[in-house]
């Protein structure tokens, strides 16, 4: 079953059109749904020739279990950095400010109004080699969003001042 990316023109977005993840392209509808459902946004930014973007897509975005976690607790947005360098630049600055690292795939967690509060790059499908797996990251982000919203608001306000 194709998701909302099936009607896009970007080769990178079309590569994700058959993922079980309920992807949105970057659009107002996604942000409105996040506000209505009070869910954080899972933002994934990459490009078609990015090796680790393909690895994460295969390991995580094609995985029905991980897709189910994403679809249940997040509004998921996929961006092609080659089509939207403006969006990529904003969130790359944010992840570098948070982690002192950057790269692709760029994985960001946003409030429904688009403010970043957590992020990274490639996450493996399970905890390994000292890296948290994507399911562990998703669970901790959902817990923070549901139970520590004031901390997220403080963080987003500090981050916007530094950017």
Protein backbone atom coordinates (compact mmCIF):
# COMPACT_ATOMS: atom_id res chain seq x y z
CA UNK A 1 0.00 0.00 0.00
CA UNK A 2 1.50 3.31 -1.06
CA UNK A 3 1.71 6.23 1.37
CA UNK A 4 1.39 9.96 0.64
CA UNK A 5 4.77 10.04 -1.11
CA UNK A 6 3.42 8.13 -4.12
CA UNK A 7 2.37 11.40 -5.79
CA UNK A 8 5.69 13.19 -5.26
CA UNK A 9 8.18 13.88 -8.06
CA UNK A 10 11.41 13.54 -6.06
CA UNK A 11 13.20 10.24 -6.81
CA UNK A 12 14.24 10.07 -3.15
CA UNK A 13 10.70 10.49 -1.84
CA UNK A 14 9.40 7.99 -4.39
CA UNK A 15 11.89 5.44 -3.05
CA UNK A 16 9.89 5.58 0.20
CA UNK A 17 6.41 5.52 -1.32
CA UNK A 18 5.88 1.84 -0.53
CA UNK A 19 7.30 1.91 3.01
CA UNK A 20 4.85 0.81 5.70
CA UNK A 21 5.63 4.15 7.41
CA UNK A 22 2.77 6.62 6.93
CA UNK A 23 5.01 9.30 5.42
CA UNK A 24 3.93 12.82 4.60
CA UNK A 25 5.96 15.10 2.39
CA UNK A 26 6.80 18.46 4.01
CA UNK A 27 3.34 20.05 4.06
CA UNK A 28 0.92 21.99 6.26
CA UNK A 29 -1.38 18.96 6.53
CA UNK A 30 1.27 17.03 8.49
CA UNK A 31 1.74 19.82 11.01
CA UNK A 32 -2.02 20.27 11.40
CA UNK A 33 -2.46 16.55 12.07
CA UNK A 34 0.37 16.62 14.64
CA UNK A 35 -1.39 19.47 16.45
CA UNK A 36 -4.82 17.79 16.28
CA UNK A 37 -3.48 14.48 17.58
CA UNK A 38 -0.91 16.06 19.92
CA UNK A 39 1.90 13.93 18.52
CA UNK A 40 5.54 14.77 17.94
CA UNK A 41 6.87 14.84 14.39
CA UNK A 42 9.46 12.34 13.19
CA UNK A 43 11.40 14.15 10.45
CA UNK A 44 13.73 12.18 8.20
CA UNK A 45 15.89 14.10 5.72
CA UNK A 46 18.08 12.41 3.14
CA UNK A 47 18.89 12.16 -0.54
CA UNK A 48 18.84 9.44 -3.18
CA UNK A 49 22.58 8.75 -3.41
CA UNK A 50 23.14 8.60 0.38
CA UNK A 51 24.38 5.14 1.43
CA UNK A 52 23.30 5.38 5.08
CA UNK A 53 19.90 6.74 4.04
CA UNK A 54 19.35 3.52 2.09
CA UNK A 55 20.62 1.40 4.98
CA UNK A 56 18.26 3.05 7.46
CA UNK A 57 15.37 2.81 4.99
CA UNK A 58 15.91 -0.92 4.55
CA UNK A 59 16.60 -1.72 8.20
CA UNK A 60 13.96 0.50 9.79
CA UNK A 61 11.47 2.11 7.42
CA UNK A 62 10.73 -1.17 5.62
CA UNK A 63 10.44 -2.99 8.98
CA UNK A 64 6.74 -3.45 9.88
CA UNK A 65 7.43 -3.41 13.64
CA UNK A 66 9.37 -0.15 13.56
CA UNK A 67 6.88 1.35 11.10
CA UNK A 68 4.09 0.48 13.53
CA UNK A 69 5.87 2.35 16.35
CA UNK A 70 6.37 5.36 14.09
CA UNK A 71 2.78 5.35 12.82
CA UNK A 72 1.30 4.94 16.29
CA UNK A 73 3.16 7.68 18.10
CA UNK A 74 4.43 10.16 15.49
CA UNK A 75 3.48 12.12 12.42
CA UNK A 76 6.22 11.16 9.97
CA UNK A 77 7.64 13.56 7.40
CA UNK A 78 10.21 12.66 4.73
CA UNK A 79 12.26 15.41 3.03
CA UNK A 80 14.65 15.26 0.09
CA UNK A 81 17.50 17.61 1.01
CA UNK A 82 18.26 18.19 -2.66
CA UNK A 83 14.74 19.55 -3.22
CA UNK A 84 14.50 21.41 0.08
CA UNK A 85 17.96 22.63 1.14
CA UNK A 86 16.21 25.35 3.18
CA UNK A 87 14.59 22.77 5.47
CA UNK A 88 17.74 20.65 5.60
CA UNK A 89 19.83 23.66 6.63
CA UNK A 90 17.57 24.61 9.55
CA UNK A 91 17.45 21.12 11.01
CA UNK A 92 21.11 20.33 10.29
CA UNK A 93 22.02 23.43 12.32
CA UNK A 94 19.73 22.17 15.09
CA UNK A 95 21.20 18.66 15.24
CA UNK A 96 24.74 20.04 15.18
CA UNK A 97 23.84 22.38 18.02
CA UNK A 98 22.40 19.44 20.01
CA UNK A 99 24.97 16.74 19.26
CA UNK A 100 28.04 18.46 17.73
CA UNK A 101 27.57 16.07 14.79
CA UNK A 102 25.73 16.08 11.52
CA UNK A 103 25.14 14.03 8.42
CA UNK A 104 22.52 12.02 6.64
CA UNK A 105 20.11 10.54 7.12
CA UNK A 106 19.16 13.41 9.38
CA UNK A 107 16.67 12.21 11.99
CA UNK A 108 14.86 14.93 13.95
CA UNK A 109 12.05 14.99 16.46
CA UNK A 110 9.92 18.11 16.38
CA UNK A 111 7.05 19.62 18.31
CA UNK A 112 3.85 19.98 16.25
CA UNK A 113 4.88 23.56 15.46
CA UNK A 114 8.19 22.39 13.96
CA UNK A 115 10.58 23.13 16.83
CA UNK A 116 13.35 20.52 17.14
CA UNK A 117 13.87 18.89 20.54
CA UNK A 118 15.91 15.75 19.81
CA UNK A 119 17.85 14.43 16.86
CA UNK A 120 20.65 12.45 15.37
CA UNK A 121 21.64 10.85 12.11
CA UNK A 122 21.60 7.10 11.44
CA UNK A 123 20.00 4.92 14.11
CA UNK A 124 20.31 1.12 13.78
CA UNK A 125 17.20 -1.08 14.06
CA UNK A 126 18.28 -2.27 17.52
CA UNK A 127 20.71 -1.17 20.22
CA UNK A 128 24.22 -2.16 19.10
CA UNK A 129 27.82 -0.97 19.00
CA UNK A 130 27.06 1.63 21.65
CA UNK A 131 24.32 3.24 19.56
CA UNK A 132 20.71 3.28 20.67
CA UNK A 133 18.42 1.52 18.24
CA UNK A 134 15.61 3.43 16.60
CA UNK A 135 12.89 1.66 18.65
CA UNK A 136 14.66 2.67 21.90
CA UNK A 137 14.98 6.24 20.69
CA UNK A 138 11.30 6.35 19.65
CA UNK A 139 10.18 5.09 23.06
CA UNK A 140 12.31 7.59 24.98
CA UNK A 141 11.16 10.48 22.77
CA UNK A 142 7.49 9.54 23.22
CA UNK A 143 8.02 9.29 26.99
CA UNK A 144 9.66 12.72 27.06
CA UNK A 145 6.93 14.23 24.90
CA UNK A 146 4.12 12.81 27.04
CA UNK A 147 5.65 13.14 30.49
CA UNK A 148 8.24 15.91 30.35
CA UNK A 149 6.71 18.49 28.04
CA UNK A 150 7.97 21.42 30.12
CA UNK A 151 11.55 20.21 29.66
CA UNK A 152 10.98 20.04 25.90
CA UNK A 153 9.57 23.57 25.88
CA UNK A 154 12.64 24.85 27.79
CA UNK A 155 14.97 23.05 25.38
CA UNK A 156 13.24 24.36 22.25
CA UNK A 157 13.33 27.88 23.60
CA UNK A 158 17.08 27.63 24.38
CA UNK A 159 17.76 26.06 21.00
CA UNK A 160 15.89 28.76 19.08
CA UNK A 161 17.93 31.42 20.89
CA UNK A 162 21.20 29.74 19.92
CA UNK A 163 20.22 29.28 16.28
